[in-house]
Amino acid sequence: MNLRAIKAIAKKDLSAVTSNVQIFLPIIIVPLIFCVLMPGMIILVSRYGNITNMGNLEPMLKLFEKIPDINIKTKLLSFQDINQQMIFIFVNYFLAPLFLLIPIMAASLVAANSFAGEKERKTLESLLFAPVDLYSLFLGKALAAFVLAMLLAIGGFILFGLTVNILAYPMFNQLIFPEPSWWVLIFWVSPSLSLLAILFNVAISAKVKGFQEANQMSVFIILPLIALVVSQATGALFLDSKILWFIGLFGIIISALALWRMVKYFNRNKLFESQIF
């Protein structure tokens, strides 16, 4: 393993991403939507209006009773106003799995561009002929996507917290974000699932000819996350801290197996042939 080569490859890929509007623009826009626009709209509608006027809230109120996290449930019921309850549960519970889209989407875009972008720029041959072992090559590609994903996750977390607490403070007279499960989400689940998404997309990028094809196939890594969002919204599955720890561990184990399999399967000849066939 060549640490200098890994850092150089990661730095090169990050530079390529920031100079590509097609990749960089969604990476900037999506966090603004999920971290500012969505929580901001929910809070402002409740703060200056009445959220009960938006429709029948009976299914949502029944859903509150099924929440397994005793701490969240106790704190939720401590608020007398339905608008306060809705804001608290949305920002601390229902938006949590949706927030994972930020690092995973960023990781998928950068990873999809890893080898596919080299092929489109006609620079893959020089990279393959460089005195770098294949393990370091894959780690460098993965590192670039992972660093950007974590920066966005932590930055988005801070931005989300500022938006929620600043806008909601006049209603609650206290800070309502984050709950303990968010720390597990940001610093355990987000890295593990981002790494899994990266390895999946790097493998795809190494096999296809161009970025668009790799990016289209990356949607398959998003589908399980959408399933988590739907499951939590419908009450089929509640993501408490215990489940989040399990999801993170699952992501780490599968990522380790995926990296081992990738290095064993791919070789320089296969990477070179992938841009032709």
Protein backbone atom coordinates (compact mmCIF):
# COMPACT_ATOMS: atom_id res chain seq x y z
CA MET A 1 0.00 0.00 0.00
CA ASN A 2 1.43 3.35 -1.12
CA LEU A 3 0.13 6.17 1.11
CA ARG A 4 1.64 8.91 -1.03
CA ALA A 5 -0.02 7.49 -4.14
CA ILE A 6 -3.36 7.14 -2.33
CA LYS A 7 -3.30 10.81 -1.29
CA ALA A 8 -2.24 11.95 -4.78
CA ILE A 9 -5.03 9.97 -6.48
CA ALA A 10 -7.63 11.24 -3.98
CA LYS A 11 -6.47 14.84 -4.45
CA LYS A 12 -6.59 14.46 -8.24
CA ASP A 13 -10.15 13.06 -8.13
CA LEU A 14 -11.38 15.81 -5.80
CA SER A 15 -9.95 18.41 -8.16
CA ALA A 16 -11.72 16.75 -11.09
CA VAL A 17 -15.03 16.81 -9.20
CA THR A 18 -14.87 20.47 -8.19
CA SER A 19 -14.14 21.46 -11.79
CA ASN A 20 -17.07 19.45 -13.20
CA VAL A 21 -20.35 21.38 -12.89
CA GLN A 22 -22.38 18.29 -13.79
CA ILE A 23 -21.14 16.61 -10.60
CA PHE A 24 -20.47 19.54 -8.28
CA LEU A 25 -23.79 21.38 -8.72
CA PRO A 26 -26.03 18.55 -7.39
CA ILE A 27 -23.60 18.07 -4.50
CA ILE A 28 -24.23 21.68 -3.45
CA ILE A 29 -27.95 21.92 -4.21
CA VAL A 30 -29.15 18.73 -2.50
CA PRO A 31 -27.78 19.64 0.98
CA LEU A 32 -29.39 23.07 0.73
CA ILE A 33 -32.75 21.45 -0.02
CA PHE A 34 -32.58 18.86 2.77
CA CYS A 35 -30.81 21.00 5.38
CA VAL A 36 -32.41 24.40 4.88
CA LEU A 37 -35.47 24.37 2.63
CA MET A 38 -37.31 21.30 3.97
CA PRO A 39 -36.90 21.88 7.73
CA GLY A 40 -37.36 25.61 7.23
CA MET A 41 -40.69 25.16 5.46
CA ILE A 42 -41.98 22.71 8.06
CA ILE A 43 -41.08 25.00 10.94
CA LEU A 44 -42.34 28.21 9.35
CA VAL A 45 -45.68 26.62 8.37
CA SER A 46 -46.17 25.51 11.98
CA ARG A 47 -44.85 28.74 13.44
CA TYR A 48 -46.98 31.17 11.44
CA GLY A 49 -49.93 28.92 10.64
CA ASN A 50 -51.51 25.77 11.92
CA ILE A 51 -50.23 22.44 10.73
CA THR A 52 -53.56 20.80 11.56
CA ASN A 53 -55.09 22.67 8.62
CA MET A 54 -52.94 20.67 6.21
CA GLY A 55 -55.11 17.57 6.46
CA ASN A 56 -56.07 14.63 8.65
CA LEU A 57 -53.31 14.12 11.24
CA GLU A 58 -54.91 11.12 12.95
CA PRO A 59 -52.59 8.55 11.27
CA MET A 60 -49.57 10.61 12.31
CA LEU A 61 -50.78 10.87 15.91
CA LYS A 62 -51.25 7.09 16.03
CA LEU A 63 -47.74 6.72 14.66
CA PHE A 64 -46.40 8.70 17.62
CA GLU A 65 -47.62 5.98 19.97
CA LYS A 66 -45.52 3.33 18.19
CA ILE A 67 -42.20 5.13 18.58
CA PRO A 68 -39.89 2.70 20.44
CA ASP A 69 -37.40 5.29 21.71
CA ILE A 70 -38.66 6.13 25.21
CA ASN A 71 -36.61 9.33 25.48
CA ILE A 72 -37.96 10.76 22.23
CA LYS A 73 -41.49 9.64 23.04
CA THR A 74 -41.37 11.24 26.52
CA LYS A 75 -39.98 14.49 25.19
CA LEU A 76 -42.50 14.49 22.35
CA LEU A 77 -45.45 14.12 24.72
CA SER A 78 -44.08 16.88 26.94
CA PHE A 79 -45.08 19.39 24.28
CA GLN A 80 -48.72 20.35 24.57
CA ASP A 81 -49.09 22.02 21.19
CA ILE A 82 -49.57 19.74 18.17
CA ASN A 83 -47.47 22.09 16.06
CA GLN A 84 -44.56 21.68 18.46
CA GLN A 85 -44.96 17.92 18.44
CA MET A 86 -44.98 17.78 14.64
CA ILE A 87 -41.88 19.94 14.32
CA PHE A 88 -39.98 17.95 16.95
CA ILE A 89 -40.78 14.55 15.47
CA PHE A 90 -40.13 15.61 11.89
CA VAL A 91 -36.72 17.18 12.45
CA ASN A 92 -35.46 14.61 14.94
CA TYR A 93 -37.02 11.43 13.59
CA PHE A 94 -38.63 11.37 10.18
CA LEU A 95 -36.02 13.49 8.38
CA ALA A 96 -33.13 11.43 9.78
CA PRO A 97 -33.03 8.66 7.12
CA LEU A 98 -33.72 11.23 4.41
CA PHE A 99 -30.63 13.13 5.56
CA LEU A 100 -28.50 10.10 4.62
CA LEU A 101 -29.20 10.91 0.99
CA ILE A 102 -26.71 13.79 1.23
CA PRO A 103 -23.46 11.87 1.88
CA ILE A 104 -24.54 8.79 -0.06
CA MET A 105 -25.54 10.82 -3.13
CA ALA A 106 -22.26 12.76 -3.03
CA ALA A 107 -20.25 9.57 -2.53
CA SER A 108 -22.07 7.88 -5.40
CA LEU A 109 -21.48 10.77 -7.82
CA VAL A 110 -17.77 11.05 -7.05
CA ALA A 111 -17.25 7.29 -7.06
CA ALA A 112 -19.17 6.91 -10.33
CA ASN A 113 -16.80 9.43 -11.86
CA SER A 114 -13.69 7.68 -10.54
CA PHE A 115 -12.71 5.31 -13.35
CA ALA A 116 -15.45 6.33 -15.80
CA GLY A 117 -14.20 9.91 -15.71
CA GLU A 118 -10.65 8.74 -16.40
CA LYS A 119 -11.91 6.89 -19.46
CA GLU A 120 -13.75 9.94 -20.79
CA ARG A 121 -10.72 12.17 -20.21
CA LYS A 122 -8.45 9.56 -21.86
CA THR A 123 -6.22 9.46 -18.79
CA LEU A 124 -6.87 5.87 -17.64
CA GLU A 125 -3.93 4.45 -19.60
CA SER A 126 -1.38 6.70 -17.89
CA LEU A 127 -2.92 5.87 -14.52
CA LEU A 128 -2.69 2.14 -15.17
CA PHE A 129 0.93 2.41 -16.30
CA ALA A 130 1.88 4.39 -13.18
CA PRO A 131 3.95 2.49 -10.56
CA VAL A 132 0.99 2.13 -8.20
CA ASP A 133 -0.41 -1.15 -6.91
CA LEU A 134 -4.07 -1.82 -7.65
CA TYR A 135 -5.01 -1.80 -3.96
CA SER A 136 -3.65 1.75 -3.54
CA LEU A 137 -5.40 2.80 -6.74
CA PHE A 138 -8.80 1.68 -5.49
CA LEU A 139 -8.21 3.15 -2.04
CA GLY A 140 -7.25 6.51 -3.55
CA LYS A 141 -10.42 6.58 -5.64
CA ALA A 142 -12.53 5.59 -2.62
CA LEU A 143 -10.81 8.11 -0.33
CA ALA A 144 -11.72 11.07 -2.55
CA ALA A 145 -15.42 10.17 -2.47
CA PHE A 146 -15.34 9.37 1.25
CA VAL A 147 -13.71 12.66 2.26
CA LEU A 148 -16.23 14.71 0.29
CA ALA A 149 -19.16 12.66 1.60
CA MET A 150 -18.08 13.14 5.23
CA LEU A 151 -17.49 16.87 4.75
CA LEU A 152 -21.00 17.20 3.36
CA ALA A 153 -22.49 15.03 6.11
CA ILE A 154 -20.90 17.03 8.93
CA GLY A 155 -21.44 20.37 7.18
CA GLY A 156 -25.05 19.47 6.41
CA PHE A 157 -25.57 18.36 10.00
CA ILE A 158 -24.35 21.73 11.28
CA LEU A 159 -26.43 23.63 8.72
CA PHE A 160 -29.50 21.54 9.53
CA GLY A 161 -29.03 22.15 13.25
CA LEU A 162 -28.63 25.90 12.83
CA THR A 163 -31.72 26.11 10.60
CA VAL A 164 -33.88 24.09 12.99
CA ASN A 165 -32.76 25.70 16.23
CA ILE A 166 -32.80 29.28 14.97
CA LEU A 167 -36.26 29.03 13.38
CA ALA A 168 -37.83 26.85 16.09
CA TYR A 169 -36.44 28.59 19.17
CA PRO A 170 -39.22 31.25 19.33
CA MET A 171 -41.78 28.41 19.54
CA PHE A 172 -39.97 26.19 22.06
CA ASN A 173 -37.73 28.60 23.99
CA GLN A 174 -35.11 25.84 23.94
CA LEU A 175 -32.90 23.97 21.50
CA ILE A 176 -34.72 20.93 20.12
CA PHE A 177 -31.98 19.47 17.92
CA PRO A 178 -30.14 17.09 17.86
CA GLU A 179 -31.39 14.03 19.70
CA PRO A 180 -28.76 11.34 20.60
CA SER A 181 -29.69 9.12 17.65
CA TRP A 182 -28.45 11.81 15.26
CA TRP A 183 -24.89 11.45 16.57
CA VAL A 184 -25.01 7.74 15.72
CA LEU A 185 -26.47 8.59 12.33
CA ILE A 186 -23.77 11.13 11.41
CA PHE A 187 -20.65 9.51 12.83
CA TRP A 188 -21.44 5.80 12.44
CA VAL A 189 -24.19 5.06 9.92
CA SER A 190 -23.29 7.80 7.45
CA PRO A 191 -19.60 6.77 7.08
CA SER A 192 -20.38 3.05 6.82
CA LEU A 193 -23.16 3.42 4.23
CA SER A 194 -21.20 6.04 2.31
CA LEU A 195 -18.24 3.64 2.12
CA LEU A 196 -20.53 0.89 0.87
CA ALA A 197 -22.00 3.21 -1.77
CA ILE A 198 -18.49 4.27 -2.80
CA LEU A 199 -17.21 0.73 -3.30
CA PHE A 200 -20.33 -0.25 -5.23
CA ASN A 201 -20.01 2.74 -7.55
CA VAL A 202 -16.24 2.45 -7.97
CA ALA A 203 -16.76 -1.15 -9.10
CA ILE A 204 -19.45 -0.03 -11.54
CA SER A 205 -17.28 2.85 -12.74
CA ALA A 206 -14.43 0.43 -13.41
CA LYS A 207 -16.63 -1.72 -15.64
CA VAL A 208 -18.62 0.80 -17.71
CA LYS A 209 -17.35 3.18 -20.39
CA GLY A 210 -18.64 6.57 -19.21
CA PHE A 211 -19.87 8.64 -16.29
CA GLN A 212 -23.52 8.79 -17.38
CA GLU A 213 -23.79 5.01 -17.48
CA ALA A 214 -22.10 4.68 -14.09
CA ASN A 215 -24.31 7.40 -12.60
CA GLN A 216 -27.50 5.76 -13.86
CA MET A 217 -26.57 2.46 -12.24
CA SER A 218 -25.76 4.19 -8.95
CA VAL A 219 -29.51 4.58 -8.33
CA PHE A 220 -29.55 0.96 -7.09
CA ILE A 221 -27.64 1.99 -3.95
CA ILE A 222 -30.24 4.68 -3.23
CA LEU A 223 -33.24 2.33 -3.39
CA PRO A 224 -32.64 0.64 0.02
CA LEU A 225 -32.36 4.10 1.57
CA ILE A 226 -35.69 5.13 0.04
CA ALA A 227 -37.14 1.95 1.52
CA LEU A 228 -35.89 3.04 4.97
CA VAL A 229 -37.54 6.44 4.55
CA VAL A 230 -40.86 4.87 3.54
CA SER A 231 -40.68 2.26 6.32
CA GLN A 232 -40.15 4.87 9.00
CA ALA A 233 -42.82 7.20 7.59
CA THR A 234 -45.39 4.38 7.58
CA GLY A 235 -44.38 2.93 10.95
CA ALA A 236 -43.18 -0.37 9.49
CA LEU A 237 -39.68 0.20 10.88
CA PHE A 238 -38.48 2.76 13.42
CA LEU A 239 -34.82 3.71 13.27
CA ASP A 240 -33.84 3.97 16.91
CA SER A 241 -30.21 4.02 18.08
CA LYS A 242 -29.95 0.21 18.34
CA ILE A 243 -31.10 -0.31 14.76
CA LEU A 244 -28.79 2.48 13.56
CA TRP A 245 -25.81 0.78 15.23
CA PHE A 246 -26.75 -2.48 13.52
CA ILE A 247 -27.11 -0.79 10.11
CA GLY A 248 -23.70 0.83 10.51
CA LEU A 249 -22.07 -2.47 11.45
CA PHE A 250 -23.71 -4.18 8.47
CA GLY A 251 -22.34 -1.47 6.16
CA ILE A 252 -18.79 -1.89 7.52
CA ILE A 253 -18.82 -5.68 7.14
CA ILE A 254 -20.21 -5.61 3.59
CA SER A 255 -17.76 -2.83 2.62
CA ALA A 256 -14.78 -4.87 3.84
CA LEU A 257 -15.96 -7.89 1.84
CA ALA A 258 -16.62 -5.71 -1.21
CA LEU A 259 -13.14 -4.15 -1.13
CA TRP A 260 -11.50 -7.57 -0.83
CA ARG A 261 -13.58 -8.87 -3.72
CA MET A 262 -12.89 -5.84 -5.93
CA VAL A 263 -9.11 -6.03 -5.54
CA LYS A 264 -9.22 -9.78 -6.20
CA TYR A 265 -11.47 -9.50 -9.25
CA PHE A 266 -10.09 -6.45 -11.06
CA ASN A 267 -6.66 -6.27 -12.65
CA ARG A 268 -4.97 -3.80 -14.96
CA ASN A 269 -5.97 -5.75 -18.08
CA LYS A 270 -9.66 -5.74 -17.10
CA LEU A 271 -9.59 -2.03 -16.33
CA PHE A 272 -7.95 -1.32 -19.67
CA GLU A 273 -10.37 -3.53 -21.60
CA SER A 274 -13.41 -1.93 -19.91
CA GLN A 275 -12.95 1.26 -21.92
CA ILE A 276 -13.01 -0.69 -25.18
CA PHE A 277 -15.65 -3.38 -24.77
